[in-house]
Amino acid sequence: MGIRENYHGWLIELLPQLGGYSFQCWTAAERIGVSDHQIYPTAALALTVARKRADLEAVCWSLTRFLNEACLRYKLNLEESIALENSVLDFATATCKEYQTMLNISEMPDLQAQCEILCAYKNETPSIQIIRIANIPGWYFERVVFPDSQLLFEALPEAELEVHSGTALGAILTDKIRCSDLRVQELSTRES
């Protein structure tokens, strides 16, 4: 069974593979999926790449939709519209290739070597929560977690996750959890 995360309107699935994890990013209603079909040695690294890919796809779709509207509004001819759309697609292709080059595992420091761990937090309450890490100098992390939603994130093991719950008077601190207690246990992918 894989790990799932909702991220900016995408559903990201991390799938255990022999030697690591791959990812699949799905749009709403799981109609369209994207992946780079690579295997990453850790779930944290696969999640980082999946988030970047989802962001890039969202930007490209937004730009293409804008260009389609601009074609009608600003009376662009077909050649101009196609040239602009091709520029967006060329940008996406170049960015994907550049990012894959940057992710050459021999050149990129392992996330675990930086002591970051992959953590999961689930809001099991009926109210919206804000979670943040405030005890690590120079570290900024704050997210909104909706009821029954789960969030995957990377943190230092000594970080404390503050949970603030929404009330009629505003958000109040309701819990503090050590991130080491929220660590995701990665599945062993080695053959027996």
Protein backbone atom coordinates (compact mmCIF):
# COMPACT_ATOMS: atom_id res chain seq x y z
CA MET A 1 0.00 0.00 0.00
CA GLY A 2 1.32 3.44 -0.91
CA ILE A 3 1.38 6.78 0.89
CA ARG A 4 -1.14 9.44 -0.21
CA GLU A 5 -1.14 13.22 0.22
CA ASN A 6 -3.44 15.98 -0.96
CA TYR A 7 -1.32 18.81 -2.32
CA HIS A 8 -2.66 22.02 -3.93
CA GLY A 9 -5.58 20.24 -5.60
CA TRP A 10 -3.55 17.16 -6.53
CA LEU A 11 -3.55 13.71 -4.99
CA ILE A 12 0.04 12.48 -4.72
CA GLU A 13 0.60 8.74 -4.33
CA LEU A 14 3.98 7.33 -3.34
CA LEU A 15 4.29 3.74 -4.46
CA PRO A 16 6.81 1.30 -2.94
CA GLN A 17 9.08 -0.17 -5.61
CA LEU A 18 12.06 -2.45 -5.54
CA GLY A 19 14.85 -0.08 -4.45
CA GLY A 20 12.70 2.85 -3.34
CA TYR A 21 9.56 4.81 -4.25
CA SER A 22 7.92 6.16 -7.38
CA PHE A 23 5.14 8.74 -7.50
CA GLN A 24 1.92 9.41 -9.34
CA CYS A 25 0.17 12.80 -9.21
CA TRP A 26 -3.58 12.76 -9.90
CA THR A 27 -5.91 15.65 -10.67
CA ALA A 28 -9.36 16.00 -9.11
CA ALA A 29 -11.52 12.91 -9.65
CA GLU A 30 -8.29 11.05 -10.62
CA ARG A 31 -8.91 11.66 -14.32
CA ILE A 32 -5.37 12.70 -15.29
CA GLY A 33 -2.15 11.38 -13.80
CA VAL A 34 1.46 12.42 -14.25
CA SER A 35 4.69 10.74 -13.23
CA ASP A 36 8.31 10.75 -14.27
CA HIS A 37 8.51 6.94 -13.92
CA GLN A 38 11.68 7.18 -11.82
CA ILE A 39 12.46 5.32 -8.60
CA TYR A 40 13.76 7.40 -5.69
CA PRO A 41 15.62 5.86 -2.75
CA THR A 42 13.42 7.41 -0.04
CA ALA A 43 9.78 8.36 0.32
CA ALA A 44 10.85 11.89 1.31
CA LEU A 45 12.76 12.40 -1.94
CA ALA A 46 9.91 10.96 -4.05
CA LEU A 47 7.46 13.29 -2.29
CA THR A 48 9.68 16.33 -2.91
CA VAL A 49 9.90 15.53 -6.63
CA ALA A 50 6.16 14.81 -6.86
CA ARG A 51 5.30 18.18 -5.32
CA LYS A 52 7.58 19.99 -7.79
CA ARG A 53 6.03 18.11 -10.70
CA ALA A 54 2.48 18.89 -9.53
CA ASP A 55 3.37 22.58 -9.21
CA LEU A 56 4.91 22.64 -12.69
CA GLU A 57 1.89 20.92 -14.27
CA ALA A 58 -0.50 23.35 -12.57
CA VAL A 59 1.49 26.35 -13.85
CA CYS A 60 1.55 24.99 -17.40
CA TRP A 61 -2.19 24.27 -17.41
CA SER A 62 -2.95 27.74 -16.06
CA LEU A 63 -0.78 29.42 -18.68
CA THR A 64 -2.32 27.35 -21.48
CA ARG A 65 -5.85 28.19 -20.28
CA PHE A 66 -4.89 31.89 -20.10
CA LEU A 67 -3.48 31.75 -23.64
CA ASN A 68 -6.67 30.15 -24.95
CA GLU A 69 -8.74 32.97 -23.40
CA ALA A 70 -6.26 35.61 -24.61
CA CYS A 71 -6.52 34.27 -28.13
CA LEU A 72 -10.20 35.18 -28.16
CA ARG A 73 -10.00 38.38 -26.10
CA TYR A 74 -6.98 39.94 -27.81
CA LYS A 75 -7.74 38.52 -31.23
CA LEU A 76 -4.48 36.62 -31.59
CA ASN A 77 -4.24 34.73 -34.84
CA LEU A 78 -3.79 30.96 -34.85
CA GLU A 79 -0.02 31.13 -35.52
CA GLU A 80 0.56 33.49 -32.57
CA SER A 81 -1.55 31.32 -30.29
CA ILE A 82 0.27 28.13 -31.30
CA ALA A 83 3.67 29.82 -30.88
CA LEU A 84 2.79 30.96 -27.36
CA GLU A 85 1.43 27.56 -26.38
CA ASN A 86 4.54 25.87 -27.75
CA SER A 87 6.65 28.23 -25.65
CA VAL A 88 4.80 27.08 -22.53
CA LEU A 89 5.27 23.42 -23.47
CA ASP A 90 8.97 23.99 -24.24
CA PHE A 91 9.34 25.66 -20.84
CA ALA A 92 7.69 22.67 -19.11
CA THR A 93 9.85 20.17 -20.97
CA ALA A 94 13.07 22.08 -20.26
CA THR A 95 12.16 22.52 -16.59
CA CYS A 96 11.44 18.79 -16.19
CA LYS A 97 14.75 17.87 -17.82
CA GLU A 98 16.65 20.43 -15.73
CA TYR A 99 15.02 19.19 -12.53
CA GLN A 100 15.80 15.56 -13.36
CA THR A 101 19.43 16.55 -14.01
CA MET A 102 19.53 18.33 -10.64
CA LEU A 103 18.15 15.20 -9.01
CA ASN A 104 21.02 13.03 -10.13
CA ILE A 105 21.25 11.03 -6.92
CA SER A 106 25.06 11.08 -6.91
CA GLU A 107 25.03 14.90 -6.91
CA MET A 108 22.08 15.56 -4.62
CA PRO A 109 22.58 15.24 -0.87
CA ASP A 110 20.38 12.57 0.65
CA LEU A 111 17.55 14.13 2.65
CA GLN A 112 18.19 11.72 5.48
CA ALA A 113 21.81 12.87 5.64
CA GLN A 114 20.39 16.26 6.59
CA CYS A 115 18.50 14.45 9.38
CA GLU A 116 15.08 15.30 7.94
CA ILE A 117 12.38 12.71 8.39
CA LEU A 118 9.08 12.19 6.58
CA CYS A 119 6.16 12.77 8.94
CA ALA A 120 2.40 12.33 8.68
CA TYR A 121 -0.29 14.19 10.60
CA LYS A 122 -4.03 13.52 10.35
CA ASN A 123 -6.73 15.91 11.55
CA GLU A 124 -9.20 13.59 13.22
CA THR A 125 -11.35 16.44 14.58
CA PRO A 126 -14.42 18.07 13.00
CA SER A 127 -12.72 21.49 12.87
CA ILE A 128 -10.06 23.06 10.67
CA GLN A 129 -6.60 23.04 12.21
CA ILE A 130 -3.44 25.03 11.62
CA ILE A 131 -0.22 23.13 12.25
CA ARG A 132 3.17 24.78 12.57
CA ILE A 133 6.72 24.15 13.67
CA ALA A 134 8.05 27.00 15.80
CA ASN A 135 10.83 25.53 17.95
CA ILE A 136 13.52 25.31 15.23
CA PRO A 137 15.34 28.62 14.53
CA GLY A 138 15.23 29.58 10.86
CA TRP A 139 12.63 26.91 10.07
CA TYR A 140 9.25 27.98 8.73
CA PHE A 141 6.43 25.49 8.42
CA GLU A 142 2.72 26.24 8.68
CA ARG A 143 -0.19 24.47 6.98
CA VAL A 144 -3.97 24.30 7.18
CA VAL A 145 -5.34 20.79 7.68
CA PHE A 146 -9.03 20.16 7.03
CA PRO A 147 -11.08 17.62 9.01
CA ASP A 148 -10.24 13.99 8.10
CA SER A 149 -7.29 15.15 5.94
CA GLN A 150 -3.78 13.81 6.24
CA LEU A 151 -0.65 15.82 5.52
CA LEU A 152 2.85 14.54 4.78
CA PHE A 153 5.78 16.83 5.54
CA GLU A 154 9.50 16.78 6.22
CA ALA A 155 10.94 17.95 9.52
CA LEU A 156 13.83 17.51 11.90
CA PRO A 157 13.19 14.78 14.48
CA GLU A 158 13.53 17.26 17.37
CA ALA A 159 10.93 19.62 15.86
CA GLU A 160 7.63 20.04 17.69
CA LEU A 161 4.42 20.26 15.70
CA GLU A 162 2.01 22.77 17.24
CA VAL A 163 -1.65 22.05 16.52
CA HIS A 164 -3.98 25.04 16.62
CA SER A 165 -7.72 24.35 16.37
CA GLY A 166 -10.28 26.83 15.10
CA THR A 167 -12.86 28.09 17.59
CA ALA A 168 -15.40 30.91 17.61
CA LEU A 169 -12.76 33.08 19.31
CA GLY A 170 -9.96 32.21 16.88
CA ALA A 171 -7.31 29.51 16.76
CA ILE A 172 -6.03 28.11 20.07
CA LEU A 173 -3.07 25.84 20.71
CA THR A 174 -4.53 22.40 21.45
CA ASP A 175 -1.55 20.06 21.18
CA LYS A 176 2.22 19.79 20.73
CA ILE A 177 3.65 16.63 19.16
CA ARG A 178 7.31 15.70 18.62
CA CYS A 179 7.87 15.12 14.91
CA SER A 180 9.84 11.97 15.74
CA ASP A 181 6.50 10.54 16.97
CA LEU A 182 4.90 11.37 13.59
CA ARG A 183 7.59 9.68 11.50
CA VAL A 184 6.32 7.61 8.57
CA GLN A 185 7.69 4.10 8.66
CA GLU A 186 9.03 3.40 5.19
CA LEU A 187 8.20 -0.01 3.79
CA SER A 188 11.04 -2.36 3.10
CA THR A 189 11.24 -2.94 -0.64
CA ARG A 190 13.94 -5.57 -0.63
CA GLU A 191 13.22 -9.06 -1.74
CA SER A 192 13.41 -11.72 0.96
